[in-house]
Every structure is written in C-alpha cells, then in structure tokens.
C-alpha cells in the first residue's frame, strides 16, 4: 500500500485519487499513518464485512438454539488446544 504525506497529497491530489482507485493509499501526518483513501467499491466491500454485536438479551430463541447446535468443523479441531489448561 503506498504512503503519502498530507502535504504531498495536497500537491498531487488527482494522482493519488487515481491510485486509490487501484489500491488503498495511506495518508500520513508527521510521519504517522493517519488516514486511508480508497475507492468507494472497496469501502462498500469492507462495510459488508461488518458484523453487528448483540446483547444476549437481544437474541431470539431461534438464535440461541442455533448457537447451541453449532459445531466447529473438524479441520479446526486443533484449535481446541486453546481451551486446554
């Protein structure tokens, strides 16, 4: 991901807008990463990955039933070591 200072961004905005259509551009200030400029398509794709957190009280009986029946796929069984003391 390319990095650009906010000063350089101001001087070459069009160039970096074009670059952001291809891949995200990190914008820095005082040598620290501060913002990311990206295409609207990439932003929307990332927003679709957002998940909503709920309080337990907000779960329906169907949600709770589905959770109680859920099983970890066998190919991830090795992760159970995390629960072993």
N, C-alpha and C. Protein backbone atom coordinates (compact mmCIF):
# COMPACT_ATOMS: atom_id res chain seq x y z
N UNK A 1 0.85 -1.16 0.00
CA UNK A 1 0.00 0.00 0.00
C UNK A 1 0.91 1.23 0.00
N UNK A 2 0.73 2.11 -0.95
CA UNK A 2 1.57 3.31 -0.98
C UNK A 2 1.23 4.27 0.17
N UNK A 3 2.25 5.01 0.60
CA UNK A 3 2.07 6.03 1.63
C UNK A 3 2.39 7.39 1.04
N UNK A 4 1.66 8.39 1.50
CA UNK A 4 1.87 9.75 1.03
C UNK A 4 1.63 10.71 2.19
N UNK A 5 2.44 11.75 2.27
CA UNK A 5 2.23 12.74 3.32
C UNK A 5 1.03 13.60 2.94
N UNK A 6 0.40 14.20 3.93
CA UNK A 6 -0.75 15.05 3.65
C UNK A 6 -0.36 16.24 2.77
N UNK A 7 0.88 16.73 2.91
CA UNK A 7 1.36 17.83 2.06
C UNK A 7 1.46 17.37 0.61
N UNK A 8 2.07 16.20 0.40
CA UNK A 8 2.20 15.67 -0.96
C UNK A 8 0.83 15.38 -1.55
N UNK A 9 -0.09 14.89 -0.72
CA UNK A 9 -1.44 14.63 -1.19
C UNK A 9 -2.09 15.92 -1.69
N UNK A 10 -1.92 17.00 -0.96
CA UNK A 10 -2.49 18.29 -1.38
C UNK A 10 -1.93 18.74 -2.72
N UNK A 11 -0.65 18.49 -2.92
CA UNK A 11 0.01 18.92 -4.16
C UNK A 11 -0.33 18.05 -5.36
N UNK A 12 -0.65 16.78 -5.12
CA UNK A 12 -0.87 15.83 -6.22
C UNK A 12 -2.16 15.05 -6.00
N UNK A 13 -3.22 15.73 -5.60
CA UNK A 13 -4.47 15.07 -5.25
C UNK A 13 -4.99 14.17 -6.36
N UNK A 14 -5.05 14.67 -7.57
CA UNK A 14 -5.57 13.89 -8.69
C UNK A 14 -4.81 12.59 -8.90
N UNK A 15 -3.51 12.65 -8.80
CA UNK A 15 -2.67 11.46 -8.97
C UNK A 15 -3.00 10.42 -7.91
N UNK A 16 -3.13 10.85 -6.67
CA UNK A 16 -3.41 9.90 -5.60
C UNK A 16 -4.85 9.41 -5.61
N UNK A 17 -5.75 10.23 -6.11
CA UNK A 17 -7.13 9.75 -6.29
C UNK A 17 -7.15 8.61 -7.30
N UNK A 18 -6.42 8.78 -8.39
CA UNK A 18 -6.34 7.71 -9.39
C UNK A 18 -5.71 6.45 -8.80
N UNK A 19 -4.67 6.63 -8.00
CA UNK A 19 -4.00 5.49 -7.37
C UNK A 19 -4.96 4.77 -6.42
N UNK A 20 -5.76 5.54 -5.67
CA UNK A 20 -6.69 4.94 -4.71
C UNK A 20 -7.79 4.13 -5.38
N UNK A 21 -8.04 4.37 -6.65
CA UNK A 21 -9.00 3.54 -7.38
C UNK A 21 -8.45 2.14 -7.62
N UNK A 22 -7.12 2.00 -7.61
CA UNK A 22 -6.48 0.71 -7.83
C UNK A 22 -6.17 -0.01 -6.53
N UNK A 23 -5.75 0.75 -5.52
CA UNK A 23 -5.40 0.18 -4.22
C UNK A 23 -5.43 1.29 -3.18
N UNK A 24 -5.67 0.95 -1.92
CA UNK A 24 -5.73 1.97 -0.88
C UNK A 24 -4.41 2.74 -0.75
N UNK A 25 -4.51 4.01 -0.40
CA UNK A 25 -3.35 4.87 -0.20
C UNK A 25 -3.37 5.36 1.25
N UNK A 26 -2.27 5.14 1.97
CA UNK A 26 -2.16 5.60 3.34
C UNK A 26 -1.71 7.06 3.32
N UNK A 27 -2.39 7.90 4.07
CA UNK A 27 -2.04 9.31 4.18
C UNK A 27 -1.43 9.52 5.55
N UNK A 28 -0.24 10.11 5.58
CA UNK A 28 0.46 10.31 6.83
C UNK A 28 0.48 11.79 7.22
N UNK A 29 0.66 12.02 8.51
CA UNK A 29 0.88 13.37 9.03
C UNK A 29 1.93 13.24 10.12
N UNK A 30 2.97 14.05 10.00
CA UNK A 30 4.10 13.98 10.94
C UNK A 30 4.67 12.56 10.99
N UNK A 31 4.77 11.95 9.82
CA UNK A 31 5.33 10.59 9.67
C UNK A 31 4.54 9.51 10.38
N UNK A 32 3.28 9.77 10.68
CA UNK A 32 2.41 8.76 11.30
C UNK A 32 1.23 8.48 10.39
N UNK A 33 0.91 7.19 10.24
CA UNK A 33 -0.26 6.81 9.46
C UNK A 33 -1.48 7.45 10.10
N UNK A 34 -2.29 8.12 9.26
CA UNK A 34 -3.44 8.84 9.82
C UNK A 34 -4.76 8.46 9.15
N UNK A 35 -4.75 8.36 7.83
CA UNK A 35 -5.97 8.08 7.08
C UNK A 35 -5.67 7.10 5.95
N UNK A 36 -6.74 6.55 5.39
CA UNK A 36 -6.61 5.71 4.21
C UNK A 36 -7.61 6.21 3.17
N UNK A 37 -7.14 6.42 1.95
CA UNK A 37 -8.02 6.80 0.85
C UNK A 37 -8.18 5.56 -0.04
N UNK A 38 -9.44 5.22 -0.34
CA UNK A 38 -9.71 4.03 -1.15
C UNK A 38 -10.92 4.28 -2.04
N UNK A 39 -11.10 3.40 -2.99
CA UNK A 39 -12.26 3.51 -3.87
C UNK A 39 -13.54 3.24 -3.09
N UNK A 40 -14.62 3.78 -3.58
CA UNK A 40 -15.91 3.55 -2.93
C UNK A 40 -16.29 2.07 -2.99
N UNK A 41 -15.89 1.38 -4.04
CA UNK A 41 -16.18 -0.04 -4.16
C UNK A 41 -15.49 -0.83 -3.04
N UNK A 42 -14.23 -0.49 -2.76
CA UNK A 42 -13.50 -1.18 -1.70
C UNK A 42 -14.11 -0.85 -0.34
N UNK A 43 -14.48 0.40 -0.13
CA UNK A 43 -15.13 0.79 1.12
C UNK A 43 -16.42 0.00 1.33
N UNK A 44 -17.24 -0.07 0.30
CA UNK A 44 -18.52 -0.81 0.41
C UNK A 44 -18.28 -2.29 0.66
N UNK A 45 -17.26 -2.85 0.02
CA UNK A 45 -16.92 -4.26 0.24
C UNK A 45 -16.55 -4.49 1.71
N UNK A 46 -15.75 -3.60 2.25
CA UNK A 46 -15.35 -3.73 3.65
C UNK A 46 -16.52 -3.53 4.59
N UNK A 47 -17.40 -2.60 4.28
CA UNK A 47 -18.57 -2.37 5.13
C UNK A 47 -19.49 -3.58 5.17
N UNK A 48 -19.56 -4.32 4.09
CA UNK A 48 -20.39 -5.52 4.06
C UNK A 48 -19.85 -6.59 5.01
N UNK A 49 -18.57 -6.48 5.35
CA UNK A 49 -17.97 -7.46 6.25
C UNK A 49 -18.22 -7.12 7.72
N UNK A 50 -18.75 -5.90 7.97
CA UNK A 50 -19.07 -5.51 9.35
C UNK A 50 -20.05 -6.50 9.95
N UNK A 51 -19.91 -6.70 11.22
CA UNK A 51 -20.85 -7.55 11.94
C UNK A 51 -21.47 -6.74 13.05
N UNK A 52 -22.70 -7.03 13.33
CA UNK A 52 -23.39 -6.34 14.39
C UNK A 52 -23.30 -7.17 15.66
N UNK A 53 -22.87 -6.55 16.73
CA UNK A 53 -22.83 -7.22 18.03
C UNK A 53 -24.16 -7.02 18.74
N UNK A 54 -24.63 -8.07 19.37
CA UNK A 54 -25.89 -8.00 20.10
C UNK A 54 -25.66 -8.37 21.56
N UNK A 55 -26.51 -7.86 22.43
CA UNK A 55 -26.55 -8.32 23.80
C UNK A 55 -27.27 -9.67 23.81
N UNK A 56 -26.93 -10.51 24.74
CA UNK A 56 -27.57 -11.83 24.83
C UNK A 56 -29.08 -11.69 24.90
N UNK A 57 -29.53 -10.67 25.61
CA UNK A 57 -30.97 -10.45 25.76
C UNK A 57 -31.67 -10.16 24.43
N UNK A 58 -30.89 -9.73 23.43
CA UNK A 58 -31.47 -9.41 22.13
C UNK A 58 -31.61 -10.64 21.22
N UNK A 59 -30.99 -11.75 21.60
CA UNK A 59 -31.05 -12.95 20.79
C UNK A 59 -32.42 -13.61 20.91
N UNK A 60 -32.89 -14.10 19.80
CA UNK A 60 -34.17 -14.81 19.81
C UNK A 60 -33.94 -16.25 20.26
N UNK A 61 -35.03 -16.94 20.56
CA UNK A 61 -34.92 -18.36 20.92
C UNK A 61 -34.30 -19.16 19.77
N UNK A 62 -34.64 -18.78 18.55
CA UNK A 62 -34.08 -19.47 17.38
C UNK A 62 -32.56 -19.24 17.30
N UNK A 63 -32.12 -18.01 17.60
CA UNK A 63 -30.69 -17.72 17.62
C UNK A 63 -29.98 -18.59 18.66
N UNK A 64 -30.54 -18.64 19.86
CA UNK A 64 -29.94 -19.42 20.94
C UNK A 64 -29.90 -20.90 20.61
N UNK A 65 -30.95 -21.39 19.98
CA UNK A 65 -30.99 -22.79 19.57
C UNK A 65 -29.92 -23.08 18.52
N UNK A 66 -29.77 -22.18 17.55
CA UNK A 66 -28.75 -22.35 16.51
C UNK A 66 -27.35 -22.35 17.12
N UNK A 67 -27.12 -21.48 18.07
CA UNK A 67 -25.82 -21.42 18.74
C UNK A 67 -25.55 -22.72 19.50
N UNK A 68 -26.55 -23.23 20.18
CA UNK A 68 -26.35 -24.46 20.97
C UNK A 68 -26.08 -25.67 20.07
N UNK A 69 -26.58 -25.65 18.84
CA UNK A 69 -26.35 -26.77 17.91
C UNK A 69 -25.07 -26.61 17.09
N UNK A 70 -24.46 -25.44 17.14
CA UNK A 70 -23.28 -25.16 16.31
C UNK A 70 -22.11 -26.06 16.70
N UNK A 71 -21.36 -26.50 15.70
CA UNK A 71 -20.18 -27.32 15.92
C UNK A 71 -19.03 -26.76 15.11
N UNK A 72 -17.84 -26.88 15.68
CA UNK A 72 -16.65 -26.43 14.97
C UNK A 72 -16.30 -27.49 13.92
N UNK A 73 -16.04 -27.08 12.68
CA UNK A 73 -15.65 -28.05 11.66
C UNK A 73 -14.41 -28.83 12.09
N UNK A 74 -14.34 -30.09 11.76
CA UNK A 74 -13.27 -30.97 12.19
C UNK A 74 -11.88 -30.44 11.78
N UNK A 75 -11.79 -29.74 10.67
CA UNK A 75 -10.49 -29.23 10.23
C UNK A 75 -9.94 -28.15 11.16
N UNK A 76 -10.78 -27.65 12.07
CA UNK A 76 -10.34 -26.65 13.04
C UNK A 76 -10.24 -27.23 14.44
N UNK A 77 -10.31 -28.54 14.55
CA UNK A 77 -10.27 -29.21 15.84
C UNK A 77 -8.97 -28.92 16.60
N UNK A 78 -7.90 -28.66 15.88
CA UNK A 78 -6.61 -28.37 16.53
C UNK A 78 -6.66 -27.10 17.39
N UNK A 79 -7.66 -26.27 17.18
CA UNK A 79 -7.78 -25.04 17.96
C UNK A 79 -8.28 -25.31 19.38
N UNK A 80 -8.78 -26.52 19.64
CA UNK A 80 -9.25 -26.86 20.99
C UNK A 80 -8.14 -26.78 22.02
N UNK A 81 -6.89 -26.87 21.57
CA UNK A 81 -5.76 -26.77 22.49
C UNK A 81 -5.78 -25.44 23.23
N UNK A 82 -6.40 -24.43 22.66
CA UNK A 82 -6.53 -23.12 23.32
C UNK A 82 -7.35 -23.21 24.60
N UNK A 83 -8.24 -24.19 24.69
CA UNK A 83 -9.10 -24.33 25.85
C UNK A 83 -8.54 -25.28 26.90
N UNK A 84 -7.48 -26.01 26.53
CA UNK A 84 -6.90 -26.96 27.45
C UNK A 84 -5.91 -26.27 28.37
N UNK A 85 -5.92 -26.60 29.62
CA UNK A 85 -5.06 -25.93 30.59
C UNK A 85 -3.88 -26.72 30.89
